Amino acid sequence: MEEHTHKKYWQRNLKYLALLLLIWFIVSYGCGILFADQLNEINFIGFPLGFWFAQQGSIYVFVILIFIYVRLMNKLDHEFDVDEI
């Protein structure tokens, strides 16, 4: 892979990472801490929604974001012809 292509590949990779980590931060910190009081007025599966995000929701979102990252990176690898298959 030439230098320009390599740099472009890593810029997109870092963009994906930053976006996905920002989403996780908003869900875990925002929904679990900052907006917990407002979200606790809503019940989800019998629990206040803010409590649910703080205890389980952010973990679920993190796992989902891992799968999204894998899919994005597989597409990026294929686009830059560095995929394994």
PDB file of N, CA and C in Angstrom:
ATOM      1  N   MET A   1       0.850  -1.169   0.000  1.00  0.00           N
ATOM      2  CA  MET A   1       0.000   0.000   0.000  1.00  0.00           C
ATOM      3  C   MET A   1       0.899   1.236   0.000  1.00  0.00           C
ATOM      4  N   GLU A   2       0.639   2.144  -0.905  1.00  0.00           N
ATOM      5  CA  GLU A   2       1.463   3.345  -0.972  1.00  0.00           C
ATOM      6  C   GLU A   2       1.139   4.294   0.186  1.00  0.00           C
ATOM      7  N   GLU A   3       2.004   5.260   0.400  1.00  0.00           N
ATOM      8  CA  GLU A   3       1.919   6.143   1.571  1.00  0.00           C
ATOM      9  C   GLU A   3       0.615   6.929   1.634  1.00  0.00           C
ATOM     10  N   HIS A   4       0.187   7.493   0.507  1.00  0.00           N
ATOM     11  CA  HIS A   4      -1.043   8.288   0.485  1.00  0.00           C
ATOM     12  C   HIS A   4      -2.257   7.423   0.820  1.00  0.00           C
ATOM     13  N   THR A   5      -2.314   6.242   0.238  1.00  0.00           N
ATOM     14  CA  THR A   5      -3.419   5.327   0.493  1.00  0.00           C
ATOM     15  C   THR A   5      -3.399   4.855   1.938  1.00  0.00           C
ATOM     16  N   HIS A   6      -2.225   4.583   2.455  1.00  0.00           N
ATOM     17  CA  HIS A   6      -2.080   4.149   3.840  1.00  0.00           C
ATOM     18  C   HIS A   6      -2.590   5.225   4.798  1.00  0.00           C
ATOM     19  N   LYS A   7      -2.235   6.461   4.523  1.00  0.00           N
ATOM     20  CA  LYS A   7      -2.663   7.576   5.373  1.00  0.00           C
ATOM     21  C   LYS A   7      -4.181   7.764   5.308  1.00  0.00           C
ATOM     22  N   LYS A   8      -4.742   7.654   4.122  1.00  0.00           N
ATOM     23  CA  LYS A   8      -6.190   7.788   3.945  1.00  0.00           C
ATOM     24  C   LYS A   8      -6.933   6.668   4.677  1.00  0.00           C
ATOM     25  N   TYR A   9      -6.393   5.463   4.608  1.00  0.00           N
ATOM     26  CA  TYR A   9      -6.980   4.315   5.308  1.00  0.00           C
ATOM     27  C   TYR A   9      -7.037   4.581   6.811  1.00  0.00           C
ATOM     28  N   TRP A  10      -5.930   5.034   7.395  1.00  0.00           N
ATOM     29  CA  TRP A  10      -5.886   5.256   8.835  1.00  0.00           C
ATOM     30  C   TRP A  10      -6.714   6.457   9.265  1.00  0.00           C
ATOM     31  N   GLN A  11      -6.844   7.460   8.413  1.00  0.00           N
ATOM     32  CA  GLN A  11      -7.709   8.588   8.733  1.00  0.00           C
ATOM     33  C   GLN A  11      -9.158   8.140   8.841  1.00  0.00           C
ATOM     34  N   ARG A  12      -9.593   7.291   7.913  1.00  0.00           N
ATOM     35  CA  ARG A  12     -10.966   6.774   7.981  1.00  0.00           C
ATOM     36  C   ARG A  12     -11.147   5.882   9.199  1.00  0.00           C
ATOM     37  N   ASN A  13     -10.139   5.065   9.496  1.00  0.00           N
ATOM     38  CA  ASN A  13     -10.197   4.197  10.664  1.00  0.00           C
ATOM     39  C   ASN A  13     -10.350   5.028  11.938  1.00  0.00           C
ATOM     40  N   LEU A  14      -9.551   6.068  12.076  1.00  0.00           N
ATOM     41  CA  LEU A  14      -9.636   6.921  13.253  1.00  0.00           C
ATOM     42  C   LEU A  14     -10.955   7.680  13.314  1.00  0.00           C
ATOM     43  N   LYS A  15     -11.493   8.043  12.169  1.00  0.00           N
ATOM     44  CA  LYS A  15     -12.801   8.704  12.118  1.00  0.00           C
ATOM     45  C   LYS A  15     -13.885   7.758  12.634  1.00  0.00           C
ATOM     46  N   TYR A  16     -13.837   6.507  12.205  1.00  0.00           N
ATOM     47  CA  TYR A  16     -14.797   5.515  12.698  1.00  0.00           C
ATOM     48  C   TYR A  16     -14.666   5.333  14.209  1.00  0.00           C
ATOM     49  N   LEU A  17     -13.425   5.199  14.669  1.00  0.00           N
ATOM     50  CA  LEU A  17     -13.196   5.024  16.108  1.00  0.00           C
ATOM     51  C   LEU A  17     -13.723   6.203  16.914  1.00  0.00           C
ATOM     52  N   ALA A  18     -13.428   7.402  16.462  1.00  0.00           N
ATOM     53  CA  ALA A  18     -13.864   8.602  17.183  1.00  0.00           C
ATOM     54  C   ALA A  18     -15.391   8.680  17.236  1.00  0.00           C
ATOM     55  N   LEU A  19     -16.040   8.403  16.127  1.00  0.00           N
ATOM     56  CA  LEU A  19     -17.496   8.463  16.085  1.00  0.00           C
ATOM     57  C   LEU A  19     -18.132   7.421  17.001  1.00  0.00           C
ATOM     58  N   LEU A  20     -17.643   6.200  16.925  1.00  0.00           N
ATOM     59  CA  LEU A  20     -18.219   5.132  17.739  1.00  0.00           C
ATOM     60  C   LEU A  20     -17.949   5.347  19.230  1.00  0.00           C
ATOM     61  N   LEU A  21     -16.763   5.824  19.573  1.00  0.00           N
ATOM     62  CA  LEU A  21     -16.476   6.114  20.980  1.00  0.00           C
ATOM     63  C   LEU A  21     -17.286   7.298  21.487  1.00  0.00           C
ATOM     64  N   LEU A  22     -17.549   8.261  20.623  1.00  0.00           N
ATOM     65  CA  LEU A  22     -18.403   9.385  21.005  1.00  0.00           C
ATOM     66  C   LEU A  22     -19.826   8.906  21.299  1.00  0.00           C
ATOM     67  N   ILE A  23     -20.338   8.021  20.459  1.00  0.00           N
ATOM     68  CA  ILE A  23     -21.673   7.458  20.695  1.00  0.00           C
ATOM     69  C   ILE A  23     -21.697   6.726  22.026  1.00  0.00           C
ATOM     70  N   TRP A  24     -20.670   5.914  22.284  1.00  0.00           N
ATOM     71  CA  TRP A  24     -20.628   5.170  23.543  1.00  0.00           C
ATOM     72  C   TRP A  24     -20.536   6.115  24.741  1.00  0.00           C
ATOM     73  N   PHE A  25     -19.747   7.170  24.626  1.00  0.00           N
ATOM     74  CA  PHE A  25     -19.624   8.133  25.704  1.00  0.00           C
ATOM     75  C   PHE A  25     -20.957   8.809  25.983  1.00  0.00           C
ATOM     76  N   ILE A  26     -21.653   9.210  24.930  1.00  0.00           N
ATOM     77  CA  ILE A  26     -22.949   9.865  25.106  1.00  0.00           C
ATOM     78  C   ILE A  26     -23.938   8.927  25.779  1.00  0.00           C
ATOM     79  N   VAL A  27     -23.949   7.675  25.349  1.00  0.00           N
ATOM     80  CA  VAL A  27     -24.885   6.715  25.941  1.00  0.00           C
ATOM     81  C   VAL A  27     -24.506   6.409  27.384  1.00  0.00           C
ATOM     82  N   SER A  28     -23.242   6.126  27.637  1.00  0.00           N
ATOM     83  CA  SER A  28     -22.853   5.717  28.991  1.00  0.00           C
ATOM     84  C   SER A  28     -22.837   6.885  29.967  1.00  0.00           C
ATOM     85  N   TYR A  29     -22.231   7.996  29.590  1.00  0.00           N
ATOM     86  CA  TYR A  29     -22.117   9.138  30.499  1.00  0.00           C
ATOM     87  C   TYR A  29     -23.382   9.989  30.472  1.00  0.00           C
ATOM     88  N   GLY A  30     -23.867  10.267  29.260  1.00  0.00           N
ATOM     89  CA  GLY A  30     -25.043  11.122  29.133  1.00  0.00           C
ATOM     90  C   GLY A  30     -26.298  10.475  29.673  1.00  0.00           C
ATOM     91  N   CYS A  31     -26.620   9.284  29.160  1.00  0.00           N
ATOM     92  CA  CYS A  31     -27.860   8.617  29.575  1.00  0.00           C
ATOM     93  C   CYS A  31     -27.747   8.011  30.965  1.00  0.00           C
ATOM     94  N   GLY A  32     -26.566   7.569  31.340  1.00  0.00           N
ATOM     95  CA  GLY A  32     -26.402   6.909  32.636  1.00  0.00           C
ATOM     96  C   GLY A  32     -26.161   7.861  33.791  1.00  0.00           C
ATOM     97  N   ILE A  33     -25.660   9.083  33.512  1.00  0.00           N
ATOM     98  CA  ILE A  33     -25.312  10.000  34.594  1.00  0.00           C
ATOM     99  C   ILE A  33     -25.998  11.360  34.426  1.00  0.00           C
ATOM    100  N   LEU A  34     -25.722  12.045  33.316  1.00  0.00           N
ATOM    101  CA  LEU A  34     -26.215  13.411  33.146  1.00  0.00           C
ATOM    102  C   LEU A  34     -27.734  13.505  33.041  1.00  0.00           C
ATOM    103  N   PHE A  35     -28.329  12.640  32.237  1.00  0.00           N
ATOM    104  CA  PHE A  35     -29.773  12.697  32.011  1.00  0.00           C
ATOM    105  C   PHE A  35     -30.518  11.596  32.752  1.00  0.00           C
ATOM    106  N   ALA A  36     -29.891  11.016  33.757  1.00  0.00           N
ATOM    107  CA  ALA A  36     -30.500   9.892  34.480  1.00  0.00           C
ATOM    108  C   ALA A  36     -31.800  10.289  35.154  1.00  0.00           C
ATOM    109  N   ASP A  37     -31.853  11.451  35.760  1.00  0.00           N
ATOM    110  CA  ASP A  37     -33.072  11.863  36.461  1.00  0.00           C
ATOM    111  C   ASP A  37     -34.251  11.991  35.500  1.00  0.00           C
ATOM    112  N   GLN A  38     -34.031  12.582  34.344  1.00  0.00           N
ATOM    113  CA  GLN A  38     -35.104  12.711  33.360  1.00  0.00           C
ATOM    114  C   GLN A  38     -35.488  11.346  32.788  1.00  0.00           C
ATOM    115  N   LEU A  39     -34.489  10.507  32.536  1.00  0.00           N
ATOM    116  CA  LEU A  39     -34.777   9.181  31.970  1.00  0.00           C
ATOM    117  C   LEU A  39     -35.420   8.247  32.977  1.00  0.00           C
ATOM    118  N   ASN A  40     -35.192   8.489  34.265  1.00  0.00           N
ATOM    119  CA  ASN A  40     -35.778   7.626  35.296  1.00  0.00           C
ATOM    120  C   ASN A  40     -37.292   7.765  35.377  1.00  0.00           C
ATOM    121  N   GLU A  41     -37.843   8.785  34.749  1.00  0.00           N
ATOM    122  CA  GLU A  41     -39.295   8.931  34.707  1.00  0.00           C
ATOM    123  C   GLU A  41     -39.927   7.931  33.751  1.00  0.00           C
ATOM    124  N   ILE A  42     -39.119   7.319  32.896  1.00  0.00           N
ATOM    125  CA  ILE A  42     -39.579   6.319  31.927  1.00  0.00           C
ATOM    126  C   ILE A  42     -39.162   4.945  32.432  1.00  0.00           C
ATOM    127  N   ASN A  43     -40.096   3.996  32.432  1.00  0.00           N
ATOM    128  CA  ASN A  43     -39.780   2.624  32.832  1.00  0.00           C
ATOM    129  C   ASN A  43     -39.457   1.784  31.607  1.00  0.00           C
ATOM    130  N   PHE A  44     -38.440   0.937  31.750  1.00  0.00           N
ATOM    131  CA  PHE A  44     -38.026   0.025  30.691  1.00  0.00           C
ATOM    132  C   PHE A  44     -37.830  -1.341  31.312  1.00  0.00           C
ATOM    133  N   ILE A  45     -38.668  -2.298  30.933  1.00  0.00           N
ATOM    134  CA  ILE A  45     -38.641  -3.651  31.471  1.00  0.00           C
ATOM    135  C   ILE A  45     -38.728  -3.616  33.008  1.00  0.00           C
ATOM    136  N   GLY A  46     -39.528  -2.709  33.516  1.00  0.00           N
ATOM    137  CA  GLY A  46     -39.742  -2.628  34.951  1.00  0.00           C
ATOM    138  C   GLY A  46     -38.701  -1.846  35.730  1.00  0.00           C
ATOM    139  N   PHE A  47     -37.748  -1.249  35.065  1.00  0.00           N
ATOM    140  CA  PHE A  47     -36.699  -0.467  35.726  1.00  0.00           C
ATOM    141  C   PHE A  47     -36.711   0.956  35.189  1.00  0.00           C
ATOM    142  N   PRO A  48     -36.302   1.927  36.014  1.00  0.00           N
ATOM    143  CA  PRO A  48     -36.147   3.287  35.483  1.00  0.00           C
ATOM    144  C   PRO A  48     -35.094   3.301  34.369  1.00  0.00           C
ATOM    145  N   LEU A  49     -35.394   4.008  33.283  1.00  0.00           N
ATOM    146  CA  LEU A  49     -34.531   3.965  32.097  1.00  0.00           C
ATOM    147  C   LEU A  49     -33.119   4.478  32.375  1.00  0.00           C
ATOM    148  N   GLY A  50     -32.964   5.511  33.174  1.00  0.00           N
ATOM    149  CA  GLY A  50     -31.629   6.018  33.511  1.00  0.00           C
ATOM    150  C   GLY A  50     -30.814   4.985  34.261  1.00  0.00           C
ATOM    151  N   PHE A  51     -31.456   4.292  35.199  1.00  0.00           N
ATOM    152  CA  PHE A  51     -30.787   3.221  35.941  1.00  0.00           C
ATOM    153  C   PHE A  51     -30.389   2.096  34.996  1.00  0.00           C
ATOM    154  N   TRP A  52     -31.295   1.738  34.073  1.00  0.00           N
ATOM    155  CA  TRP A  52     -31.007   0.658  33.134  1.00  0.00           C
ATOM    156  C   TRP A  52     -29.800   1.001  32.270  1.00  0.00           C
ATOM    157  N   PHE A  53     -29.732   2.240  31.753  1.00  0.00           N
ATOM    158  CA  PHE A  53     -28.582   2.648  30.945  1.00  0.00           C
ATOM    159  C   PHE A  53     -27.295   2.585  31.761  1.00  0.00           C
ATOM    160  N   ALA A  54     -27.349   3.021  32.998  1.00  0.00           N
ATOM    161  CA  ALA A  54     -26.146   3.032  33.832  1.00  0.00           C
ATOM    162  C   ALA A  54     -25.677   1.614  34.130  1.00  0.00           C
ATOM    163  N   GLN A  55     -26.594   0.685  34.306  1.00  0.00           N
ATOM    164  CA  GLN A  55     -26.225  -0.662  34.709  1.00  0.00           C
ATOM    165  C   GLN A  55     -25.992  -1.610  33.537  1.00  0.00           C
ATOM    166  N   GLN A  56     -26.830  -1.532  32.513  1.00  0.00           N
ATOM    167  CA  GLN A  56     -26.734  -2.509  31.433  1.00  0.00           C
ATOM    168  C   GLN A  56     -26.698  -1.897  30.042  1.00  0.00           C
ATOM    169  N   GLY A  57     -27.427  -0.832  29.849  1.00  0.00           N
ATOM    170  CA  GLY A  57     -27.582  -0.254  28.517  1.00  0.00           C
ATOM    171  C   GLY A  57     -26.284   0.135  27.863  1.00  0.00           C
ATOM    172  N   SER A  58     -25.394   0.754  28.624  1.00  0.00           N
ATOM    173  CA  SER A  58     -24.126   1.181  28.023  1.00  0.00           C
ATOM    174  C   SER A  58     -23.272  -0.019  27.624  1.00  0.00           C
ATOM    175  N   ILE A  59     -23.383  -1.104  28.359  1.00  0.00           N
ATOM    176  CA  ILE A  59     -22.641  -2.317  27.995  1.00  0.00           C
ATOM    177  C   ILE A  59     -23.202  -2.906  26.707  1.00  0.00           C
ATOM    178  N   TYR A  60     -24.530  -2.973  26.597  1.00  0.00           N
ATOM    179  CA  TYR A  60     -25.150  -3.479  25.374  1.00  0.00           C
ATOM    180  C   TYR A  60     -24.766  -2.614  24.172  1.00  0.00           C
ATOM    181  N   VAL A  61     -24.818  -1.306  24.356  1.00  0.00           N
ATOM    182  CA  VAL A  61     -24.450  -0.404  23.269  1.00  0.00           C
ATOM    183  C   VAL A  61     -22.989  -0.618  22.883  1.00  0.00           C
ATOM    184  N   PHE A  62     -22.106  -0.800  23.859  1.00  0.00           N
ATOM    185  CA  PHE A  62     -20.701  -1.033  23.564  1.00  0.00           C
ATOM    186  C   PHE A  62     -20.510  -2.306  22.733  1.00  0.00           C
ATOM    187  N   VAL A  63     -21.196  -3.371  23.081  1.00  0.00           N
ATOM    188  CA  VAL A  63     -21.079  -4.624  22.326  1.00  0.00           C
ATOM    189  C   VAL A  63     -21.617  -4.441  20.912  1.00  0.00           C
ATOM    190  N   ILE A  64     -22.732  -3.739  20.770  1.00  0.00           N
ATOM    191  CA  ILE A  64     -23.279  -3.472  19.440  1.00  0.00           C
ATOM    192  C   ILE A  64     -22.302  -2.637  18.620  1.00  0.00           C
ATOM    193  N   LEU A  65     -21.671  -1.649  19.261  1.00  0.00           N
ATOM    194  CA  LEU A  65     -20.702  -0.815  18.555  1.00  0.00           C
ATOM    195  C   LEU A  65     -19.474  -1.607  18.107  1.00  0.00           C
ATOM    196  N   ILE A  66     -19.109  -2.628  18.857  1.00  0.00           N
ATOM    197  CA  ILE A  66     -18.006  -3.500  18.434  1.00  0.00           C
ATOM    198  C   ILE A  66     -18.359  -4.192  17.118  1.00  0.00           C
ATOM    199  N   PHE A  67     -19.580  -4.723  17.030  1.00  0.00           N
ATOM    200  CA  PHE A  67     -20.002  -5.387  15.798  1.00  0.00           C
ATOM    201  C   PHE A  67     -20.092  -4.391  14.635  1.00  0.00           C
ATOM    202  N   ILE A  68     -20.551  -3.190  14.914  1.00  0.00           N
ATOM    203  CA  ILE A  68     -20.598  -2.155  13.880  1.00  0.00           C
ATOM    204  C   ILE A  68     -19.185  -1.820  13.410  1.00  0.00           C
ATOM    205  N   TYR A  69     -18.243  -1.709  14.351  1.00  0.00           N
ATOM    206  CA  TYR A  69     -16.855  -1.409  13.986  1.00  0.00           C
ATOM    207  C   TYR A  69     -16.265  -2.525  13.117  1.00  0.00           C
ATOM    208  N   VAL A  70     -16.542  -3.758  13.456  1.00  0.00           N
ATOM    209  CA  VAL A  70     -16.040  -4.883  12.656  1.00  0.00           C
ATOM    210  C   VAL A  70     -16.592  -4.805  11.237  1.00  0.00           C
ATOM    211  N   ARG A  71     -17.870  -4.522  11.128  1.00  0.00           N
ATOM    212  CA  ARG A  71     -18.477  -4.423   9.794  1.00  0.00           C
ATOM    213  C   ARG A  71     -17.871  -3.261   9.000  1.00  0.00           C
ATOM    214  N   LEU A  72     -17.731  -2.098   9.649  1.00  0.00           N
ATOM    215  CA  LEU A  72     -17.133  -0.944   8.972  1.00  0.00           C
ATOM    216  C   LEU A  72     -15.703  -1.227   8.530  1.00  0.00           C
ATOM    217  N   MET A  73     -14.932  -1.879   9.389  1.00  0.00           N
ATOM    218  CA  MET A  73     -13.544  -2.167   9.042  1.00  0.00           C
ATOM    219  C   MET A  73     -13.445  -3.212   7.941  1.00  0.00           C
ATOM    220  N   ASN A  74     -14.340  -4.180   7.917  1.00  0.00           N
ATOM    221  CA  ASN A  74     -14.339  -5.150   6.819  1.00  0.00           C
ATOM    222  C   ASN A  74     -14.617  -4.457   5.487  1.00  0.00           C
ATOM    223  N   LYS A  75     -15.573  -3.516   5.493  1.00  0.00           N
ATOM    224  CA  LYS A  75     -15.852  -2.754   4.270  1.00  0.00           C
ATOM    225  C   LYS A  75     -14.652  -1.893   3.884  1.00  0.00           C
ATOM    226  N   LEU A  76     -14.034  -1.251   4.873  1.00  0.00           N
ATOM    227  CA  LEU A  76     -12.873  -0.409   4.601  1.00  0.00           C
ATOM    228  C   LEU A  76     -11.702  -1.241   4.078  1.00  0.00           C
ATOM    229  N   ASP A  77     -11.464  -2.387   4.674  1.00  0.00           N
ATOM    230  CA  ASP A  77     -10.396  -3.272   4.201  1.00  0.00           C
ATOM    231  C   ASP A  77     -10.641  -3.700   2.762  1.00  0.00           C
ATOM    232  N   HIS A  78     -11.897  -4.025   2.462  1.00  0.00           N
ATOM    233  CA  HIS A  78     -12.223  -4.435   1.103  1.00  0.00           C
ATOM    234  C   HIS A  78     -12.045  -3.273   0.123  1.00  0.00           C
ATOM    235  N   GLU A  79     -12.445  -2.081   0.545  1.00  0.00           N
ATOM    236  CA  GLU A  79     -12.314  -0.901  -0.317  1.00  0.00           C
ATOM    237  C   GLU A  79     -10.855  -0.586  -0.643  1.00  0.00           C
ATOM    238  N   PHE A  80      -9.969  -0.766   0.337  1.00  0.00           N
ATOM    239  CA  PHE A  80      -8.550  -0.470   0.132  1.00  0.00           C
ATOM    240  C   PHE A  80      -7.747  -1.714  -0.264  1.00  0.00           C
ATOM    241  N   ASP A  81      -8.457  -2.804  -0.534  1.00  0.00           N
ATOM    242  CA  ASP A  81      -7.856  -4.057  -0.982  1.00  0.00           C
ATOM    243  C   ASP A  81      -6.797  -4.580  -0.013  1.00  0.00           C
ATOM    244  N   VAL A  82      -7.124  -4.543   1.270  1.00  0.00           N
ATOM    245  CA  VAL A  82      -6.250  -5.129   2.272  1.00  0.00           C
ATOM    246  C   VAL A  82      -7.002  -6.174   3.106  1.00  0.00           C
ATOM    247  N   ASP A  83      -8.121  -6.648   2.562  1.00  0.00           N
ATOM    248  CA  ASP A  83      -8.885  -7.665   3.281  1.00  0.00           C
ATOM    249  C   ASP A  83      -8.194  -9.008   3.218  1.00  0.00           C
ATOM    250  N   GLU A  84      -8.577  -9.863   4.154  1.00  0.00           N
ATOM    251  CA  GLU A  84      -7.899 -11.150   4.286  1.00  0.00           C
ATOM    252  C   GLU A  84      -8.424 -12.188   3.305  1.00  0.00           C
ATOM    253  N   ILE A  85      -9.612 -12.000   2.826  1.00  0.00           N
ATOM    254  CA  ILE A  85     -10.201 -13.010   1.925  1.00  0.00           C
ATOM    255  C   ILE A  85     -10.216 -12.487   0.514  1.00  0.00           C
TER     256      ILE A  85
END
